[in-house]
Amino acid sequence: MYLGTISDQQPIDITSLAHCLVITKAAVSKRLPHLVECGWASTTPGPGRRVLISLTDAGAELVEDAGGRIDADVLALFADPRLSGSGLDPAVLGPQLELLTQLIREKETV
C-alpha cells in the first residue's frame, strides 16, 4: 500500500501519505526508514519542515511488477466458468471501479 500510494502521488509528504493510507503520521515515519533502506523510496527536504517521499527506480519497478501480477490474477478470476452467463463484463467493470475510486477520493477531500 505504501509504495502504490507513493507511486500515485509522488512526491508526497509524510502527512499526505498518512492521510491517503488512513493511518497516523507516526506509522508512516516508523515504516519509511525501512522503505529507504530497501532502496524502494527516497526522501528529500520539502518546503518548511516537510519531507517529500518519492519512489526510486527499484521501487517503481516493484510497483509495476506487482500491479501486473494483480492484473493477471484478476483477469484469471474472470475466466472462472462459474462467472459465465453472470453478466459480469470486465471491460465495463474496470471503468466503473475506477470511477468509484475517484468518487471516494473526492469525498475524502471534502
PDB file of N, CA and C in Angstrom:
ATOM      1  N   MET A   1       0.808  -1.187   0.000  1.00  0.00           N
ATOM      2  CA  MET A   1       0.000   0.000   0.000  1.00  0.00           C
ATOM      3  C   MET A   1       0.859   1.262   0.000  1.00  0.00           C
ATOM      4  N   TYR A   2       1.922   1.257   0.805  1.00  0.00           N
ATOM      5  CA  TYR A   2       2.770   2.440   0.868  1.00  0.00           C
ATOM      6  C   TYR A   2       3.316   2.780  -0.518  1.00  0.00           C
ATOM      7  N   LEU A   3       3.964   1.792  -1.151  1.00  0.00           N
ATOM      8  CA  LEU A   3       4.632   2.069  -2.421  1.00  0.00           C
ATOM      9  C   LEU A   3       3.641   2.440  -3.514  1.00  0.00           C
ATOM     10  N   GLY A   4       2.506   1.777  -3.556  1.00  0.00           N
ATOM     11  CA  GLY A   4       1.498   2.102  -4.558  1.00  0.00           C
ATOM     12  C   GLY A   4       0.969   3.516  -4.393  1.00  0.00           C
ATOM     13  N   THR A   5       0.748   3.919  -3.157  1.00  0.00           N
ATOM     14  CA  THR A   5       0.257   5.273  -2.899  1.00  0.00           C
ATOM     15  C   THR A   5       1.316   6.305  -3.228  1.00  0.00           C
ATOM     16  N   ILE A   6       2.561   6.022  -2.855  1.00  0.00           N
ATOM     17  CA  ILE A   6       3.655   6.935  -3.200  1.00  0.00           C
ATOM     18  C   ILE A   6       3.737   7.069  -4.714  1.00  0.00           C
ATOM     19  N   SER A   7       3.624   5.949  -5.414  1.00  0.00           N
ATOM     20  CA  SER A   7       3.692   5.956  -6.872  1.00  0.00           C
ATOM     21  C   SER A   7       2.618   6.848  -7.469  1.00  0.00           C
ATOM     22  N   ASP A   8       1.417   6.768  -6.940  1.00  0.00           N
ATOM     23  CA  ASP A   8       0.292   7.555  -7.467  1.00  0.00           C
ATOM     24  C   ASP A   8       0.406   9.040  -7.157  1.00  0.00           C
ATOM     25  N   GLN A   9       1.065   9.394  -6.050  1.00  0.00           N
ATOM     26  CA  GLN A   9       1.031  10.764  -5.556  1.00  0.00           C
ATOM     27  C   GLN A   9       2.388  11.470  -5.527  1.00  0.00           C
ATOM     28  N   GLN A  10       3.455  10.827  -5.942  1.00  0.00           N
ATOM     29  CA  GLN A  10       4.791  11.372  -5.715  1.00  0.00           C
ATOM     30  C   GLN A  10       5.081  12.659  -6.459  1.00  0.00           C
ATOM     31  N   PRO A  11       5.898  13.519  -5.865  1.00  0.00           N
ATOM     32  CA  PRO A  11       6.397  13.391  -4.495  1.00  0.00           C
ATOM     33  C   PRO A  11       5.294  13.722  -3.508  1.00  0.00           C
ATOM     34  N   ILE A  12       5.292  13.020  -2.393  1.00  0.00           N
ATOM     35  CA  ILE A  12       4.251  13.186  -1.385  1.00  0.00           C
ATOM     36  C   ILE A  12       4.911  13.363  -0.031  1.00  0.00           C
ATOM     37  N   ASP A  13       4.331  14.198   0.811  1.00  0.00           N
ATOM     38  CA  ASP A  13       4.915  14.374   2.140  1.00  0.00           C
ATOM     39  C   ASP A  13       4.307  13.368   3.121  1.00  0.00           C
ATOM     40  N   ILE A  14       4.922  13.261   4.281  1.00  0.00           N
ATOM     41  CA  ILE A  14       4.512  12.265   5.269  1.00  0.00           C
ATOM     42  C   ILE A  14       3.059  12.462   5.684  1.00  0.00           C
ATOM     43  N   THR A  15       2.658  13.696   5.915  1.00  0.00           N
ATOM     44  CA  THR A  15       1.291  13.979   6.343  1.00  0.00           C
ATOM     45  C   THR A  15       0.279  13.532   5.282  1.00  0.00           C
ATOM     46  N   SER A  16       0.556  13.855   4.033  1.00  0.00           N
ATOM     47  CA  SER A  16      -0.360  13.478   2.944  1.00  0.00           C
ATOM     48  C   SER A  16      -0.402  11.975   2.752  1.00  0.00           C
ATOM     49  N   LEU A  17       0.754  11.318   2.869  1.00  0.00           N
ATOM     50  CA  LEU A  17       0.791   9.866   2.732  1.00  0.00           C
ATOM     51  C   LEU A  17      -0.024   9.214   3.846  1.00  0.00           C
ATOM     52  N   ALA A  18       0.130   9.709   5.061  1.00  0.00           N
ATOM     53  CA  ALA A  18      -0.645   9.174   6.184  1.00  0.00           C
ATOM     54  C   ALA A  18      -2.136   9.349   5.924  1.00  0.00           C
ATOM     55  N   HIS A  19      -2.520  10.515   5.416  1.00  0.00           N
ATOM     56  CA  HIS A  19      -3.934  10.777   5.117  1.00  0.00           C
ATOM     57  C   HIS A  19      -4.450   9.798   4.047  1.00  0.00           C
ATOM     58  N   CYS A  20      -3.678   9.604   2.993  1.00  0.00           N
ATOM     59  CA  CYS A  20      -4.096   8.684   1.919  1.00  0.00           C
ATOM     60  C   CYS A  20      -4.252   7.255   2.429  1.00  0.00           C
ATOM     61  N   LEU A  21      -3.360   6.846   3.335  1.00  0.00           N
ATOM     62  CA  LEU A  21      -3.379   5.474   3.849  1.00  0.00           C
ATOM     63  C   LEU A  21      -4.316   5.315   5.045  1.00  0.00           C
ATOM     64  N   VAL A  22      -4.865   6.417   5.516  1.00  0.00           N
ATOM     65  CA  VAL A  22      -5.748   6.447   6.679  1.00  0.00           C
ATOM     66  C   VAL A  22      -5.034   5.830   7.892  1.00  0.00           C
ATOM     67  N   ILE A  23      -3.811   6.309   8.123  1.00  0.00           N
ATOM     68  CA  ILE A  23      -3.020   5.910   9.279  1.00  0.00           C
ATOM     69  C   ILE A  23      -2.392   7.169   9.870  1.00  0.00           C
ATOM     70  N   THR A  24      -1.678   7.024  10.954  1.00  0.00           N
ATOM     71  CA  THR A  24      -1.056   8.181  11.597  1.00  0.00           C
ATOM     72  C   THR A  24       0.260   8.544  10.921  1.00  0.00           C
ATOM     73  N   LYS A  25       0.673   9.793  11.131  1.00  0.00           N
ATOM     74  CA  LYS A  25       1.985  10.222  10.628  1.00  0.00           C
ATOM     75  C   LYS A  25       3.081   9.408  11.300  1.00  0.00           C
ATOM     76  N   ALA A  26       2.878   9.061  12.569  1.00  0.00           N
ATOM     77  CA  ALA A  26       3.871   8.252  13.290  1.00  0.00           C
ATOM     78  C   ALA A  26       4.057   6.889  12.625  1.00  0.00           C
ATOM     79  N   ALA A  27       2.968   6.296  12.156  1.00  0.00           N
ATOM     80  CA  ALA A  27       3.057   4.995  11.481  1.00  0.00           C
ATOM     81  C   ALA A  27       3.853   5.113  10.188  1.00  0.00           C
ATOM     82  N   VAL A  28       3.640   6.196   9.447  1.00  0.00           N
ATOM     83  CA  VAL A  28       4.404   6.413   8.210  1.00  0.00           C
ATOM     84  C   VAL A  28       5.873   6.637   8.552  1.00  0.00           C
ATOM     85  N   SER A  29       6.132   7.475   9.545  1.00  0.00           N
ATOM     86  CA  SER A  29       7.513   7.778   9.936  1.00  0.00           C
ATOM     87  C   SER A  29       8.253   6.534  10.409  1.00  0.00           C
ATOM     88  N   LYS A  30       7.540   5.616  11.033  1.00  0.00           N
ATOM     89  CA  LYS A  30       8.159   4.376  11.511  1.00  0.00           C
ATOM     90  C   LYS A  30       8.514   3.442  10.353  1.00  0.00           C
ATOM     91  N   ARG A  31       7.678   3.387   9.339  1.00  0.00           N
ATOM     92  CA  ARG A  31       7.870   2.459   8.213  1.00  0.00           C
ATOM     93  C   ARG A  31       8.814   3.018   7.147  1.00  0.00           C
ATOM     94  N   LEU A  32       8.875   4.326   7.025  1.00  0.00           N
ATOM     95  CA  LEU A  32       9.637   4.971   5.957  1.00  0.00           C
ATOM     96  C   LEU A  32      11.121   4.583   5.929  1.00  0.00           C
ATOM     97  N   PRO A  33      11.826   4.544   7.062  1.00  0.00           N
ATOM     98  CA  PRO A  33      13.242   4.167   7.003  1.00  0.00           C
ATOM     99  C   PRO A  33      13.475   2.793   6.370  1.00  0.00           C
ATOM    100  N   HIS A  34      12.571   1.854   6.609  1.00  0.00           N
ATOM    101  CA  HIS A  34      12.714   0.528   6.003  1.00  0.00           C
ATOM    102  C   HIS A  34      12.576   0.601   4.479  1.00  0.00           C
ATOM    103  N   LEU A  35      11.628   1.389   3.997  1.00  0.00           N
ATOM    104  CA  LEU A  35      11.453   1.529   2.551  1.00  0.00           C
ATOM    105  C   LEU A  35      12.682   2.155   1.914  1.00  0.00           C
ATOM    106  N   VAL A  36      13.294   3.104   2.619  1.00  0.00           N
ATOM    107  CA  VAL A  36      14.509   3.745   2.120  1.00  0.00           C
ATOM    108  C   VAL A  36      15.676   2.750   2.155  1.00  0.00           C
ATOM    109  N   GLU A  37      15.817   2.010   3.263  1.00  0.00           N
ATOM    110  CA  GLU A  37      16.898   1.009   3.395  1.00  0.00           C
ATOM    111  C   GLU A  37      16.820  -0.037   2.290  1.00  0.00           C
ATOM    112  N   CYS A  38      15.623  -0.430   1.933  1.00  0.00           N
ATOM    113  CA  CYS A  38      15.426  -1.447   0.892  1.00  0.00           C
ATOM    114  C   CYS A  38      15.689  -0.886  -0.503  1.00  0.00           C
ATOM    115  N   GLY A  39      15.814   0.439  -0.591  1.00  0.00           N
ATOM    116  CA  GLY A  39      16.076   1.058  -1.879  1.00  0.00           C
ATOM    117  C   GLY A  39      14.840   1.303  -2.715  1.00  0.00           C
ATOM    118  N   TRP A  40      13.674   1.265  -2.085  1.00  0.00           N
ATOM    119  CA  TRP A  40      12.424   1.433  -2.821  1.00  0.00           C
ATOM    120  C   TRP A  40      11.909   2.863  -2.819  1.00  0.00           C
ATOM    121  N   ALA A  41      12.322   3.639  -1.826  1.00  0.00           N
ATOM    122  CA  ALA A  41      11.856   5.022  -1.711  1.00  0.00           C
ATOM    123  C   ALA A  41      13.031   5.912  -1.345  1.00  0.00           C
ATOM    124  N   SER A  42      12.894   7.186  -1.659  1.00  0.00           N
ATOM    125  CA  SER A  42      13.907   8.168  -1.269  1.00  0.00           C
ATOM    126  C   SER A  42      13.194   9.366  -0.674  1.00  0.00           C
ATOM    127  N   THR A  43      13.918  10.105   0.149  1.00  0.00           N
ATOM    128  CA  THR A  43      13.344  11.298   0.769  1.00  0.00           C
ATOM    129  C   THR A  43      14.191  12.505   0.420  1.00  0.00           C
ATOM    130  N   THR A  44      13.523  13.628   0.308  1.00  0.00           N
ATOM    131  CA  THR A  44      14.205  14.903   0.075  1.00  0.00           C
ATOM    132  C   THR A  44      13.516  15.960   0.922  1.00  0.00           C
ATOM    133  N   PRO A  45      14.254  16.993   1.321  1.00  0.00           N
ATOM    134  CA  PRO A  45      13.619  18.071   2.083  1.00  0.00           C
ATOM    135  C   PRO A  45      12.587  18.781   1.211  1.00  0.00           C
ATOM    136  N   GLY A  46      11.465  19.092   1.821  1.00  0.00           N
ATOM    137  CA  GLY A  46      10.411  19.831   1.133  1.00  0.00           C
ATOM    138  C   GLY A  46      10.284  21.216   1.729  1.00  0.00           C
ATOM    139  N   PRO A  47       9.230  21.909   1.404  1.00  0.00           N
ATOM    140  CA  PRO A  47       9.029  23.248   1.968  1.00  0.00           C
ATOM    141  C   PRO A  47       8.835  23.174   3.481  1.00  0.00           C
ATOM    142  N   GLY A  48       9.388  24.143   4.182  1.00  0.00           N
ATOM    143  CA  GLY A  48       9.274  24.149   5.636  1.00  0.00           C
ATOM    144  C   GLY A  48       9.985  22.953   6.222  1.00  0.00           C
ATOM    145  N   ARG A  49       9.306  22.255   7.101  1.00  0.00           N
ATOM    146  CA  ARG A  49       9.900  21.072   7.738  1.00  0.00           C
ATOM    147  C   ARG A  49       9.431  19.775   7.094  1.00  0.00           C
ATOM    148  N   ARG A  50       8.776  19.879   5.985  1.00  0.00           N
ATOM    149  CA  ARG A  50       8.222  18.683   5.337  1.00  0.00           C
ATOM    150  C   ARG A  50       9.325  17.835   4.693  1.00  0.00           C
ATOM    151  N   VAL A  51       9.044  16.547   4.650  1.00  0.00           N
ATOM    152  CA  VAL A  51       9.911  15.587   3.974  1.00  0.00           C
ATOM    153  C   VAL A  51       9.110  15.024   2.815  1.00  0.00           C
ATOM    154  N   LEU A  52       9.671  15.103   1.615  1.00  0.00           N
ATOM    155  CA  LEU A  52       8.993  14.580   0.428  1.00  0.00           C
ATOM    156  C   LEU A  52       9.499  13.176   0.134  1.00  0.00           C
ATOM    157  N   ILE A  53       8.584  12.309  -0.224  1.00  0.00           N
ATOM    158  CA  ILE A  53       8.895  10.904  -0.491  1.00  0.00           C
ATOM    159  C   ILE A  53       8.603  10.615  -1.956  1.00  0.00           C
ATOM    160  N   SER A  54       9.548   9.939  -2.599  1.00  0.00           N
ATOM    161  CA  SER A  54       9.383   9.502  -3.992  1.00  0.00           C
ATOM    162  C   SER A  54       9.862   8.071  -4.102  1.00  0.00           C
ATOM    163  N   LEU A  55       9.433   7.400  -5.147  1.00  0.00           N
ATOM    164  CA  LEU A  55       9.944   6.052  -5.415  1.00  0.00           C
ATOM    165  C   LEU A  55      11.278   6.139  -6.125  1.00  0.00           C
ATOM    166  N   THR A  56      12.135   5.190  -5.837  1.00  0.00           N
ATOM    167  CA  THR A  56      13.350   5.021  -6.617  1.00  0.00           C
ATOM    168  C   THR A  56      12.973   4.206  -7.861  1.00  0.00           C
ATOM    169  N   ASP A  57      13.931   4.011  -8.754  1.00  0.00           N
ATOM    170  CA  ASP A  57      13.667   3.162  -9.919  1.00  0.00           C
ATOM    171  C   ASP A  57      13.295   1.745  -9.480  1.00  0.00           C
ATOM    172  N   ALA A  58      13.981   1.242  -8.442  1.00  0.00           N
ATOM    173  CA  ALA A  58      13.686  -0.110  -7.942  1.00  0.00           C
ATOM    174  C   ALA A  58      12.279  -0.166  -7.360  1.00  0.00           C
ATOM    175  N   GLY A  59      11.871   0.883  -6.654  1.00  0.00           N
ATOM    176  CA  GLY A  59      10.521   0.934  -6.093  1.00  0.00           C
ATOM    177  C   GLY A  59       9.461   0.992  -7.178  1.00  0.00           C
ATOM    178  N   ALA A  60       9.712   1.795  -8.206  1.00  0.00           N
ATOM    179  CA  ALA A  60       8.768   1.905  -9.318  1.00  0.00           C
ATOM    180  C   ALA A  60       8.634   0.571 -10.045  1.00  0.00           C
ATOM    181  N   GLU A  61       9.760  -0.125 -10.206  1.00  0.00           N
ATOM    182  CA  GLU A  61       9.729  -1.433 -10.865  1.00  0.00           C
ATOM    183  C   GLU A  61       8.937  -2.445 -10.029  1.00  0.00           C
ATOM    184  N   LEU A  62       9.137  -2.396  -8.714  1.00  0.00           N
ATOM    185  CA  LEU A  62       8.402  -3.292  -7.827  1.00  0.00           C
ATOM    186  C   LEU A  62       6.897  -3.045  -7.921  1.00  0.00           C
ATOM    187  N   VAL A  63       6.491  -1.790  -7.918  1.00  0.00           N
ATOM    188  CA  VAL A  63       5.070  -1.439  -8.028  1.00  0.00           C
ATOM    189  C   VAL A  63       4.515  -1.912  -9.375  1.00  0.00           C
ATOM    190  N   GLU A  64       5.267  -1.687 -10.424  1.00  0.00           N
ATOM    191  CA  GLU A  64       4.813  -2.102 -11.756  1.00  0.00           C
ATOM    192  C   GLU A  64       4.671  -3.624 -11.845  1.00  0.00           C
ATOM    193  N   ASP A  65       5.661  -4.345 -11.331  1.00  0.00           N
ATOM    194  CA  ASP A  65       5.599  -5.814 -11.358  1.00  0.00           C
ATOM    195  C   ASP A  65       4.413  -6.337 -10.549  1.00  0.00           C
ATOM    196  N   ALA A  66       4.233  -5.772  -9.353  1.00  0.00           N
ATOM    197  CA  ALA A  66       3.120  -6.210  -8.501  1.00  0.00           C
ATOM    198  C   ALA A  66       1.787  -5.900  -9.169  1.00  0.00           C
ATOM    199  N   GLY A  67       1.686  -4.719  -9.780  1.00  0.00           N
ATOM    200  CA  GLY A  67       0.455  -4.359 -10.479  1.00  0.00           C
ATOM    201  C   GLY A  67       0.146  -5.318 -11.605  1.00  0.00           C
ATOM    202  N   GLY A  68       1.181  -5.727 -12.340  1.00  0.00           N
ATOM    203  CA  GLY A  68       0.987  -6.686 -13.428  1.00  0.00           C
ATOM    204  C   GLY A  68       0.499  -8.035 -12.920  1.00  0.00           C
ATOM    205  N   ARG A  69       1.056  -8.467 -11.791  1.00  0.00           N
ATOM    206  CA  ARG A  69       0.616  -9.747 -11.215  1.00  0.00           C
ATOM    207  C   ARG A  69      -0.830  -9.655 -10.729  1.00  0.00           C
ATOM    208  N   ILE A  70      -1.157  -8.530 -10.109  1.00  0.00           N
ATOM    209  CA  ILE A  70      -2.536  -8.355  -9.628  1.00  0.00           C
ATOM    210  C   ILE A  70      -3.499  -8.339 -10.807  1.00  0.00           C
ATOM    211  N   ASP A  71      -3.145  -7.617 -11.872  1.00  0.00           N
ATOM    212  CA  ASP A  71      -3.998  -7.583 -13.070  1.00  0.00           C
ATOM    213  C   ASP A  71      -4.205  -8.982 -13.634  1.00  0.00           C
ATOM    214  N   ALA A  72      -3.129  -9.761 -13.701  1.00  0.00           N
ATOM    215  CA  ALA A  72      -3.229 -11.125 -14.227  1.00  0.00           C
ATOM    216  C   ALA A  72      -4.117 -11.987 -13.339  1.00  0.00           C
ATOM    217  N   ASP A  73      -3.984 -11.834 -12.027  1.00  0.00           N
ATOM    218  CA  ASP A  73      -4.817 -12.607 -11.104  1.00  0.00           C
ATOM    219  C   ASP A  73      -6.293 -12.242 -11.243  1.00  0.00           C
ATOM    220  N   VAL A  74      -6.574 -10.955 -11.396  1.00  0.00           N
ATOM    221  CA  VAL A  74      -7.968 -10.521 -11.544  1.00  0.00           C
ATOM    222  C   VAL A  74      -8.538 -11.044 -12.865  1.00  0.00           C
ATOM    223  N   LEU A  75      -7.761 -10.952 -13.940  1.00  0.00           N
ATOM    224  CA  LEU A  75      -8.241 -11.482 -15.225  1.00  0.00           C
ATOM    225  C   LEU A  75      -8.497 -12.976 -15.146  1.00  0.00           C
ATOM    226  N   ALA A  76      -7.664 -13.686 -14.412  1.00  0.00           N
ATOM    227  CA  ALA A  76      -7.871 -15.124 -14.237  1.00  0.00           C
ATOM    228  C   ALA A  76      -9.186 -15.397 -13.516  1.00  0.00           C
ATOM    229  N   LEU A  77      -9.558 -14.523 -12.590  1.00  0.00           N
ATOM    230  CA  LEU A  77     -10.840 -14.691 -11.902  1.00  0.00           C
ATOM    231  C   LEU A  77     -12.004 -14.609 -12.887  1.00  0.00           C
ATOM    232  N   PHE A  78     -11.896 -13.700 -13.858  1.00  0.00           N
ATOM    233  CA  PHE A  78     -12.966 -13.560 -14.840  1.00  0.00           C
ATOM    234  C   PHE A  78     -13.062 -14.777 -15.760  1.00  0.00           C
ATOM    235  N   ALA A  79     -12.022 -15.575 -15.818  1.00  0.00           N
ATOM    236  CA  ALA A  79     -12.046 -16.775 -16.642  1.00  0.00           C
ATOM    237  C   ALA A  79     -12.730 -17.944 -15.926  1.00  0.00           C
ATOM    238  N   ASP A  80     -13.053 -17.771 -14.661  1.00  0.00           N
ATOM    239  CA  ASP A  80     -13.700 -18.839 -13.899  1.00  0.00           C
ATOM    240  C   ASP A  80     -15.043 -19.170 -14.547  1.00  0.00           C
ATOM    241  N   PRO A  81     -15.279 -20.444 -14.840  1.00  0.00           N
ATOM    242  CA  PRO A  81     -16.522 -20.834 -15.530  1.00  0.00           C
ATOM    243  C   PRO A  81     -17.791 -20.496 -14.741  1.00  0.00           C
ATOM    244  N   ARG A  82     -17.679 -20.337 -13.430  1.00  0.00           N
ATOM    245  CA  ARG A  82     -18.862 -20.003 -12.632  1.00  0.00           C
ATOM    246  C   ARG A  82     -19.383 -18.611 -12.945  1.00  0.00           C
ATOM    247  N   LEU A  83     -18.547 -17.768 -13.575  1.00  0.00           N
ATOM    248  CA  LEU A  83     -18.982 -16.415 -13.919  1.00  0.00           C
ATOM    249  C   LEU A  83     -19.650 -16.333 -15.294  1.00  0.00           C
ATOM    250  N   SER A  84     -19.532 -17.394 -16.095  1.00  0.00           N
ATOM    251  CA  SER A  84     -20.139 -17.329 -17.430  1.00  0.00           C
ATOM    252  C   SER A  84     -21.653 -17.188 -17.285  1.00  0.00           C
ATOM    253  N   GLY A  85     -22.187 -16.289 -18.070  1.00  0.00           N
ATOM    254  CA  GLY A  85     -23.618 -16.040 -18.023  1.00  0.00           C
ATOM    255  C   GLY A  85     -24.049 -15.156 -16.860  1.00  0.00           C
ATOM    256  N   SER A  86     -23.098 -14.643 -16.082  1.00  0.00           N
ATOM    257  CA  SER A  86     -23.458 -13.812 -14.924  1.00  0.00           C
ATOM    258  C   SER A  86     -23.717 -12.363 -15.318  1.00  0.00           C
ATOM    259  N   GLY A  87     -23.324 -12.000 -16.544  1.00  0.00           N
ATOM    260  CA  GLY A  87     -23.489 -10.618 -16.974  1.00  0.00           C
ATOM    261  C   GLY A  87     -22.341  -9.722 -16.537  1.00  0.00           C
ATOM    262  N   LEU A  88     -21.372 -10.287 -15.842  1.00  0.00           N
ATOM    263  CA  LEU A  88     -20.210  -9.516 -15.405  1.00  0.00           C
ATOM    264  C   LEU A  88     -19.280  -9.315 -16.594  1.00  0.00           C
ATOM    265  N   ASP A  89     -18.992  -8.053 -16.916  1.00  0.00           N
ATOM    266  CA  ASP A  89     -18.171  -7.724 -18.072  1.00  0.00           C
ATOM    267  C   ASP A  89     -16.942  -6.949 -17.613  1.00  0.00           C
ATOM    268  N   PRO A  90     -15.747  -7.548 -17.717  1.00  0.00           N
ATOM    269  CA  PRO A  90     -14.535  -6.865 -17.259  1.00  0.00           C
ATOM    270  C   PRO A  90     -14.299  -5.532 -17.956  1.00  0.00           C
ATOM    271  N   ALA A  91     -14.697  -5.419 -19.212  1.00  0.00           N
ATOM    272  CA  ALA A  91     -14.491  -4.171 -19.953  1.00  0.00           C
ATOM    273  C   ALA A  91     -15.345  -3.046 -19.375  1.00  0.00           C
ATOM    274  N   VAL A  92     -16.458  -3.381 -18.773  1.00  0.00           N
ATOM    275  CA  VAL A  92     -17.340  -2.387 -18.157  1.00  0.00           C
ATOM    276  C   VAL A  92     -16.973  -2.204 -16.682  1.00  0.00           C
ATOM    277  N   LEU A  93     -16.669  -3.299 -16.008  1.00  0.00           N
ATOM    278  CA  LEU A  93     -16.393  -3.257 -14.581  1.00  0.00           C
ATOM    279  C   LEU A  93     -15.154  -2.419 -14.257  1.00  0.00           C
ATOM    280  N   GLY A  94     -14.102  -2.528 -15.066  1.00  0.00           N
ATOM    281  CA  GLY A  94     -12.872  -1.766 -14.821  1.00  0.00           C
ATOM    282  C   GLY A  94     -13.119  -0.267 -14.738  1.00  0.00           C
ATOM    283  N   PRO A  95     -13.715   0.339 -15.760  1.00  0.00           N
ATOM    284  CA  PRO A  95     -14.011   1.770 -15.688  1.00  0.00           C
ATOM    285  C   PRO A  95     -14.964   2.139 -14.553  1.00  0.00           C
ATOM    286  N   GLN A  96     -15.916   1.253 -14.245  1.00  0.00           N
ATOM    287  CA  GLN A  96     -16.827   1.529 -13.143  1.00  0.00           C
ATOM    288  C   GLN A  96     -16.078   1.586 -11.811  1.00  0.00           C
ATOM    289  N   LEU A  97     -15.150   0.647 -11.611  1.00  0.00           N
ATOM    290  CA  LEU A  97     -14.361   0.643 -10.377  1.00  0.00           C
ATOM    291  C   LEU A  97     -13.450   1.867 -10.300  1.00  0.00           C
ATOM    292  N   GLU A  98     -12.891   2.277 -11.431  1.00  0.00           N
ATOM    293  CA  GLU A  98     -12.063   3.487 -11.450  1.00  0.00           C
ATOM    294  C   GLU A  98     -12.888   4.713 -11.075  1.00  0.00           C
ATOM    295  N   LEU A  99     -14.105   4.796 -11.596  1.00  0.00           N
ATOM    296  CA  LEU A  99     -14.985   5.918 -11.269  1.00  0.00           C
ATOM    297  C   LEU A  99     -15.355   5.905  -9.786  1.00  0.00           C
ATOM    298  N   LEU A 100     -15.672   4.735  -9.260  1.00  0.00           N
ATOM    299  CA  LEU A 100     -15.990   4.640  -7.832  1.00  0.00           C
ATOM    300  C   LEU A 100     -14.801   5.077  -6.980  1.00  0.00           C
ATOM    301  N   THR A 101     -13.600   4.681  -7.357  1.00  0.00           N
ATOM    302  CA  THR A 101     -12.399   5.086  -6.636  1.00  0.00           C
ATOM    303  C   THR A 101     -12.246   6.596  -6.673  1.00  0.00           C
ATOM    304  N   GLN A 102     -12.460   7.191  -7.823  1.00  0.00           N
ATOM    305  CA  GLN A 102     -12.377   8.642  -7.963  1.00  0.00           C
ATOM    306  C   GLN A 102     -13.409   9.332  -7.078  1.00  0.00           C
ATOM    307  N   LEU A 103     -14.619   8.827  -7.058  1.00  0.00           N
ATOM    308  CA  LEU A 103     -15.675   9.426  -6.243  1.00  0.00           C
ATOM    309  C   LEU A 103     -15.333   9.342  -4.750  1.00  0.00           C
ATOM    310  N   ILE A 104     -14.772   8.221  -4.338  1.00  0.00           N
ATOM    311  CA  ILE A 104     -14.368   8.070  -2.934  1.00  0.00           C
ATOM    312  C   ILE A 104     -13.271   9.061  -2.589  1.00  0.00           C
ATOM    313  N   ARG A 105     -12.289   9.212  -3.465  1.00  0.00           N
ATOM    314  CA  ARG A 105     -11.206  10.164  -3.216  1.00  0.00           C
ATOM    315  C   ARG A 105     -11.739  11.591  -3.144  1.00  0.00           C
ATOM    316  N   GLU A 106     -12.707  11.922  -3.982  1.00  0.00           N
ATOM    317  CA  GLU A 106     -13.295  13.258  -3.949  1.00  0.00           C
ATOM    318  C   GLU A 106     -14.026  13.501  -2.635  1.00  0.00           C
ATOM    319  N   LYS A 107     -14.697  12.494  -2.120  1.00  0.00           N
ATOM    320  CA  LYS A 107     -15.409  12.620  -0.844  1.00  0.00           C
ATOM    321  C   LYS A 107     -14.421  12.827   0.303  1.00  0.00           C
ATOM    322  N   GLU A 108     -13.237  12.201   0.219  1.00  0.00           N
ATOM    323  CA  GLU A 108     -12.236  12.317   1.271  1.00  0.00           C
ATOM    324  C   GLU A 108     -11.684  13.728   1.371  1.00  0.00           C
ATOM    325  N   THR A 109     -11.672  14.464   0.265  1.00  0.00           N
ATOM    326  CA  THR A 109     -11.094  15.806   0.267  1.00  0.00           C
ATOM    327  C   THR A 109     -12.092  16.877   0.688  1.00  0.00           C
ATOM    328  N   VAL A 110     -13.341  16.500   0.815  1.00  0.00           N
ATOM    329  CA  VAL A 110     -14.374  17.477   1.202  1.00  0.00           C
ATOM    330  C   VAL A 110     -14.346  17.719   2.702  1.00  0.00           C
TER     331      VAL A 110
END
